[in-house]
Protein backbone atom coordinates (compact mmCIF):
# COMPACT_ATOMS: atom_id res chain seq x y z
CA UNK A 1 218.24 64.49 104.18
CA UNK A 2 216.74 63.62 107.54
CA UNK A 3 213.65 63.29 106.18
CA UNK A 4 214.48 60.95 103.45
CA UNK A 5 216.65 58.83 105.81
CA UNK A 6 213.56 58.42 108.34
CA UNK A 7 211.38 57.14 105.37
CA UNK A 8 213.99 54.83 104.19
CA UNK A 9 214.56 53.39 107.79
CA UNK A 10 210.67 53.05 108.31
CA UNK A 11 210.40 51.27 104.89
CA UNK A 12 213.15 48.86 106.01
CA UNK A 13 211.44 48.30 109.37
CA UNK A 14 208.28 47.61 107.65
CA UNK A 15 210.14 45.00 105.20
CA UNK A 16 211.80 43.03 108.15
CA UNK A 17 208.32 42.98 109.92
CA UNK A 18 206.67 41.56 107.05
CA UNK A 19 209.41 38.80 106.24
CA UNK A 20 209.38 38.07 110.07
CA UNK A 21 205.27 37.74 109.71
CA UNK A 22 205.76 35.53 106.62
CA UNK A 23 207.98 33.53 108.31
CA UNK A 24 206.05 32.94 111.71
CA UNK A 25 202.99 32.01 109.00
CA UNK A 26 205.26 29.45 107.64
CA UNK A 27 206.54 28.11 110.92
CA UNK A 28 202.99 27.74 112.27
CA UNK A 29 202.13 24.22 112.92
CA UNK A 30 198.84 24.29 111.39
CA UNK A 31 199.59 26.20 108.50
CA UNK A 32 202.69 23.66 108.10
CA UNK A 33 200.69 20.44 108.29
CA UNK A 34 197.82 21.63 106.20
CA UNK A 35 200.14 22.83 103.55
CA UNK A 36 202.29 19.27 103.90
CA UNK A 37 198.89 17.36 103.52
CA UNK A 38 197.74 19.49 100.39
CA UNK A 39 201.26 18.73 98.63
CA UNK A 40 201.00 14.89 99.35
CA UNK A 41 197.31 15.13 98.26
CA UNK A 42 198.41 16.76 94.74
CA UNK A 43 201.35 14.21 94.32
CA UNK A 44 198.88 11.49 93.73
CA UNK A 45 197.11 11.70 90.73
CA UNK A 46 193.91 9.89 91.78
CA UNK A 47 193.45 11.66 95.06
CA UNK A 48 193.89 14.94 93.11
CA UNK A 49 191.31 13.60 90.14
CA UNK A 50 188.78 13.13 93.22
CA UNK A 51 189.40 16.64 94.79
CA UNK A 52 188.96 17.96 91.54
CA UNK A 53 185.24 16.27 91.49
CA UNK A 54 184.59 17.75 94.94
CA UNK A 55 185.86 21.25 93.67
CA UNK A 56 183.31 20.89 90.79
CA UNK A 57 180.75 20.02 93.00
CA UNK A 58 181.45 22.89 95.28
CA UNK A 59 181.16 25.55 92.43
CA UNK A 60 177.96 23.94 91.52
CA UNK A 61 176.83 24.66 94.82
CA UNK A 62 178.03 28.02 94.74
CA UNK A 63 177.30 29.12 91.12
CA UNK A 64 174.42 26.54 90.30
CA UNK A 65 171.47 28.60 90.82
CA UNK A 66 173.28 31.72 88.67
CA UNK A 67 173.83 29.33 85.80
CA UNK A 68 170.37 27.65 85.80
CA UNK A 69 168.57 28.49 82.40
CA UNK A 70 165.20 28.82 84.04
CA UNK A 71 163.50 29.43 87.57
CA UNK A 72 163.26 26.59 89.82
CA UNK A 73 159.25 26.57 89.93
CA UNK A 74 158.97 27.56 86.43
CA UNK A 75 156.67 25.34 84.26
CA UNK A 76 156.94 24.81 80.60
CA UNK A 77 154.59 24.32 77.81
CA UNK A 78 154.40 23.19 74.11
CA UNK A 79 154.60 26.56 72.26
CA UNK A 80 152.47 24.86 69.51
CA UNK A 81 149.74 23.00 71.52
CA UNK A 82 150.17 25.11 74.79
CA UNK A 83 150.31 21.67 76.70
CA UNK A 84 152.30 21.32 79.84
CA UNK A 85 155.42 19.57 79.00
CA UNK A 86 155.15 16.36 81.30
CA UNK A 87 157.98 14.25 81.66
CA UNK A 88 159.28 15.44 78.18
CA UNK A 89 162.41 13.67 76.96
CA UNK A 90 165.71 15.52 76.80
CA UNK A 91 165.51 18.30 73.82
CA UNK A 92 167.67 21.28 72.83
CA UNK A 93 165.53 23.36 74.80
CA UNK A 94 165.70 20.99 77.87
CA UNK A 95 169.07 19.21 77.78
CA UNK A 96 167.65 16.69 80.40
CA UNK A 97 164.38 16.73 79.65
CA UNK A 98 161.40 18.01 82.13
CA UNK A 99 159.65 16.57 85.35
CA UNK A 100 156.03 15.58 85.50
CA UNK A 101 155.10 19.14 86.75
CA UNK A 102 157.07 20.68 83.63
CA UNK A 103 159.99 21.91 85.61
CA UNK A 104 163.24 21.98 83.55
CA UNK A 105 165.53 18.95 84.95
CA UNK A 106 168.96 20.68 84.28
CA UNK A 107 167.71 23.73 86.39
CA UNK A 108 166.59 21.70 89.26
CA UNK A 109 169.95 19.68 88.97
CA UNK A 110 171.92 23.09 89.35
CA UNK A 111 169.99 24.59 91.88
CA UNK A 112 169.74 21.33 94.22
CA UNK A 113 173.38 21.09 94.08
CA UNK A 114 173.48 24.28 96.92
CA UNK A 115 171.07 22.16 99.42
CA UNK A 116 173.18 19.25 99.00
CA UNK A 117 176.64 21.05 99.20
CA UNK A 118 175.40 22.69 102.47
CA UNK A 119 174.08 19.18 103.69
CA UNK A 120 177.59 17.38 103.39
CA UNK A 121 179.19 20.60 104.58
CA UNK A 122 177.47 21.09 107.96
CA UNK A 123 176.53 17.04 108.53
CA UNK A 124 180.42 16.40 108.06
CA UNK A 125 181.44 19.31 110.22
CA UNK A 126 179.05 18.14 112.96
CA UNK A 127 180.64 14.70 112.80
CA UNK A 128 184.05 15.91 112.72
CA UNK A 129 183.93 18.15 115.66
CA UNK A 130 181.93 16.17 118.02
CA UNK A 131 183.81 13.00 117.34
CA UNK A 132 186.94 14.61 117.51
CA UNK A 133 186.32 16.40 120.74
CA UNK A 134 185.14 13.36 122.53
CA UNK A 135 187.85 11.22 120.96
CA UNK A 136 190.63 13.29 121.80
CA UNK A 137 189.30 14.24 125.06
CA UNK A 138 188.68 10.60 126.00
CA UNK A 139 192.08 9.40 124.76
CA UNK A 140 194.22 12.07 126.26
CA UNK A 141 192.66 12.69 129.69
CA UNK A 142 191.73 9.10 130.35
CA UNK A 143 190.35 8.00 133.74
CA UNK A 144 186.65 8.32 134.70
CA UNK A 145 186.45 10.97 131.71
CA UNK A 146 187.42 8.45 129.07
CA UNK A 147 185.03 5.89 130.65
CA UNK A 148 182.01 8.27 130.76
CA UNK A 149 182.44 9.41 127.20
CA UNK A 150 183.25 6.00 125.91
CA UNK A 151 180.09 4.47 127.52
CA UNK A 152 178.16 7.67 126.33
CA UNK A 153 179.42 6.69 122.76
CA UNK A 154 178.07 2.87 123.11
CA UNK A 155 174.96 4.18 124.09
CA UNK A 156 174.66 6.10 121.01
CA UNK A 157 175.66 3.42 118.97
CA UNK A 158 172.61 1.55 120.19
CA UNK A 159 170.29 4.42 118.84
CA UNK A 160 168.95 3.58 115.38
CA UNK A 161 169.36 6.46 113.22
CA UNK A 162 165.95 6.55 111.16
CA UNK A 163 163.46 6.23 114.23
CA UNK A 164 165.61 8.54 116.22
CA UNK A 165 165.15 10.97 113.13
CA UNK A 166 161.61 10.35 113.34
CA UNK A 167 161.39 11.22 116.69
CA UNK A 168 163.54 14.33 116.63
CA UNK A 169 161.68 15.79 113.55
CA UNK A 170 158.50 15.46 115.58
CA UNK A 171 159.65 17.85 118.07
CA UNK A 172 161.58 19.91 116.01
CA UNK A 173 159.21 19.97 112.97
CA UNK A 174 160.07 18.77 109.40
CA UNK A 175 162.59 20.92 108.00
CA UNK A 176 166.13 20.90 106.02
CA UNK A 177 168.34 21.89 109.03
CA UNK A 178 166.46 19.23 111.44
CA UNK A 179 167.27 16.43 108.99
CA UNK A 180 171.07 17.46 109.09
CA UNK A 181 170.89 17.61 112.88
CA UNK A 182 169.63 14.03 112.82
CA UNK A 183 172.67 12.68 110.95
CA UNK A 184 175.51 14.74 112.97
CA UNK A 185 173.85 13.87 116.41
CA UNK A 186 174.30 10.28 115.40
CA UNK A 187 177.06 9.58 113.12
CA UNK A 188 179.87 10.95 114.86
CA UNK A 189 180.26 7.63 117.21
CA UNK A 190 182.62 6.00 114.65
CA UNK A 191 184.97 9.09 114.48
CA UNK A 192 184.93 9.39 118.18
CA UNK A 193 186.20 5.69 118.98
CA UNK A 194 188.99 5.59 116.06
CA UNK A 195 190.25 9.12 117.00
CA UNK A 196 190.45 8.24 120.64
CA UNK A 197 192.64 4.98 119.81
CA UNK A 198 194.75 7.47 117.58
CA UNK A 199 195.02 9.75 120.43
CA UNK A 200 196.25 7.12 122.91
CA UNK A 201 198.97 6.26 120.46
CA UNK A 202 200.13 9.87 119.85
CA UNK A 203 200.37 10.64 123.69
CA UNK A 204 203.03 7.94 124.11
CA UNK A 205 205.30 9.93 121.44
CA UNK A 206 208.52 11.19 123.30
CA UNK A 207 207.67 14.96 122.60
CA UNK A 208 204.26 14.74 124.00
CA UNK A 209 205.73 13.19 127.21
CA UNK A 210 208.44 15.89 127.21
CA UNK A 211 205.60 18.41 126.86
CA UNK A 212 203.78 17.05 129.89
CA UNK A 213 206.85 16.73 131.94
CA UNK A 214 207.59 20.31 131.44
CA UNK A 215 204.40 21.50 132.72
CA UNK A 216 202.25 22.22 129.64
CA UNK A 217 198.89 22.63 130.27
CA UNK A 218 196.33 19.98 128.73
CA UNK A 219 194.74 22.22 126.20
CA UNK A 220 198.41 23.25 124.87
CA UNK A 221 199.27 19.71 124.28
CA UNK A 222 196.11 18.70 122.72
CA UNK A 223 196.32 21.80 120.45
CA UNK A 224 199.91 21.71 119.59
CA UNK A 225 200.81 17.91 119.36
CA UNK A 226 197.60 15.72 119.59
CA UNK A 227 195.48 17.35 117.25
CA UNK A 228 198.02 17.85 114.17
CA UNK A 229 199.04 13.96 114.65
CA UNK A 230 195.42 12.91 114.45
CA UNK A 231 194.54 15.47 111.60
CA UNK A 232 195.09 12.93 108.85
CA UNK A 233 192.50 10.62 110.52
CA UNK A 234 190.37 13.42 111.13
CA UNK A 235 190.11 14.46 107.64
CA UNK A 236 189.21 11.06 106.56
CA UNK A 237 186.33 10.99 108.81
CA UNK A 238 185.45 14.63 107.93
CA UNK A 239 185.19 13.02 103.99
CA UNK A 240 183.19 10.13 105.29
CA UNK A 241 181.04 12.35 107.20
CA UNK A 242 180.37 14.58 104.26
CA UNK A 243 179.40 11.39 102.04
CA UNK A 244 177.14 9.90 104.60
CA UNK A 245 175.32 13.05 105.30
CA UNK A 246 174.43 13.71 101.46
CA UNK A 247 173.37 10.13 101.35
CA UNK A 248 171.26 9.79 104.44
CA UNK A 249 169.64 13.08 103.99
CA UNK A 250 168.50 12.03 100.71
CA UNK A 251 167.21 8.94 102.02
CA UNK A 252 165.40 10.81 105.10
CA UNK A 253 164.02 13.05 102.14
CA UNK A 254 162.66 9.96 100.53
CA UNK A 255 160.98 8.77 103.51
CA UNK A 256 159.37 12.09 103.80
CA UNK A 257 160.83 13.38 106.91
CA UNK A 258 162.82 16.09 105.65
CA UNK A 259 161.53 19.35 103.65
CA UNK A 260 160.22 18.27 100.30
CA UNK A 261 160.07 21.99 99.15
CA UNK A 262 163.74 22.45 98.89
CA UNK A 263 164.96 21.23 95.58
CA UNK A 264 167.79 19.09 96.62
CA UNK A 265 168.88 16.07 94.83
CA UNK A 266 167.21 13.61 96.95
CA UNK A 267 163.89 15.46 96.50
CA UNK A 268 164.31 15.37 93.12
CA UNK A 269 164.52 11.33 93.28
CA UNK A 270 161.54 11.32 95.96
CA UNK A 271 159.32 13.41 93.39
CA UNK A 272 160.38 11.07 90.51
CA UNK A 273 159.53 8.08 92.64
CA UNK A 274 156.29 9.47 93.86
CA UNK A 275 155.01 10.61 90.43
CA UNK A 276 155.53 6.80 89.05
CA UNK A 277 158.01 8.02 86.18
CA UNK A 278 160.89 6.62 88.13
CA UNK A 279 161.83 4.13 85.50
CA UNK A 280 160.25 5.46 81.94
CA UNK A 281 161.72 9.23 82.75
CA UNK A 282 165.20 7.97 83.39
CA UNK A 283 166.41 12.09 82.37
CA UNK A 284 164.80 12.77 85.95
CA UNK A 285 165.61 10.22 88.08
CA UNK A 286 169.15 9.32 87.10
CA UNK A 287 171.11 12.26 86.73
CA UNK A 288 170.76 13.34 90.71
CA UNK A 289 170.96 9.58 91.73
CA UNK A 290 174.27 9.68 89.73
CA UNK A 291 175.56 12.67 91.23
CA UNK A 292 174.81 11.66 94.72
CA UNK A 293 176.98 8.53 94.05
CA UNK A 294 179.84 10.49 92.19
CA UNK A 295 179.97 12.89 95.27
CA UNK A 296 179.98 10.17 97.72
CA UNK A 297 182.37 8.15 95.99
CA UNK A 298 184.72 11.32 95.62
CA UNK A 299 184.73 12.29 99.29
CA UNK A 300 185.53 8.72 100.27
CA UNK A 301 188.20 8.30 97.76
CA UNK A 302 189.65 12.01 98.70
CA UNK A 303 189.58 11.49 102.41
CA UNK A 304 191.29 7.84 101.73
CA UNK A 305 193.78 9.28 99.71
CA UNK A 306 194.79 12.06 102.00
CA UNK A 307 194.71 9.68 105.18
CA UNK A 308 196.83 6.95 103.53
CA UNK A 309 199.41 9.58 102.02
CA UNK A 310 199.71 11.48 105.31
CA UNK A 311 199.64 8.34 107.19
CA UNK A 312 202.59 6.74 105.24
CA UNK A 313 204.79 9.43 107.26
CA UNK A 314 203.67 8.16 110.42
CA UNK A 315 206.74 7.31 111.67
CA UNK A 316 207.99 11.04 111.36
CA UNK A 317 205.40 12.24 113.90
CA UNK A 318 204.74 16.12 113.93
CA UNK A 319 206.51 17.64 116.84
CA UNK A 320 205.55 21.17 116.81
């Protein structure tokens, strides 16, 4: 009897602790804000539609190489004549035709989704992290720190992207990661300015003033009060950053200052242009261009819908 009672008591204690753990997770301000933003997003059909497009592109990046019908460097020949299938129009064996070098376009498109998605995630993440760090620090700390950070931001605004990219790649070498670093090290400037302005507004809220008067540390106030209230704007700039990173990486690739051997969508467009088949072999050049355009549009509209929907409740500021 004593053993059975102890087992029952232990099970009850574990159940109570599990319930407390779940409750504390639900009460966590970060989880609460993210969940609230996702619910707001799903309630809007257009935002949910663009979110679905982004999920589809992400799945292409993850599973694209596994779904590709051929190898990325596999050259295809006519089985009857033995000639290479140069810029062949779409057929049953090659639904999107072939390139000038005899590669299957659909295969290159599926494999090229992964480096394109990686570009968006890393580039957008750099823009978000650098811009948010500088904007929140400048807006909340103020004083000489704000002046120094904002003057540095103004300086970065004066740095042209393409020439800076060429100079930086001269030192780092032509490659996939350096081309993304060029984007992230320049395009955070817009996010920093807007998030600073948002931080100046949030730090005047009563609960921030109360936390400051009660002796809460600056990192505590920033993490628990400032960041949750600038999160919708940060998500918007993350979406912008993902779109800009994908588009500008394609531009740098087209100019020849990115790795031409990684089969991204930008590389496909550049190869089609260099081959002279840009217009005639539309099945080669159009699909990657359309996918880049759709991805950039979806990221912008998703971020706009998230920021707009969450910003509609701006009067109900989050007092974590």
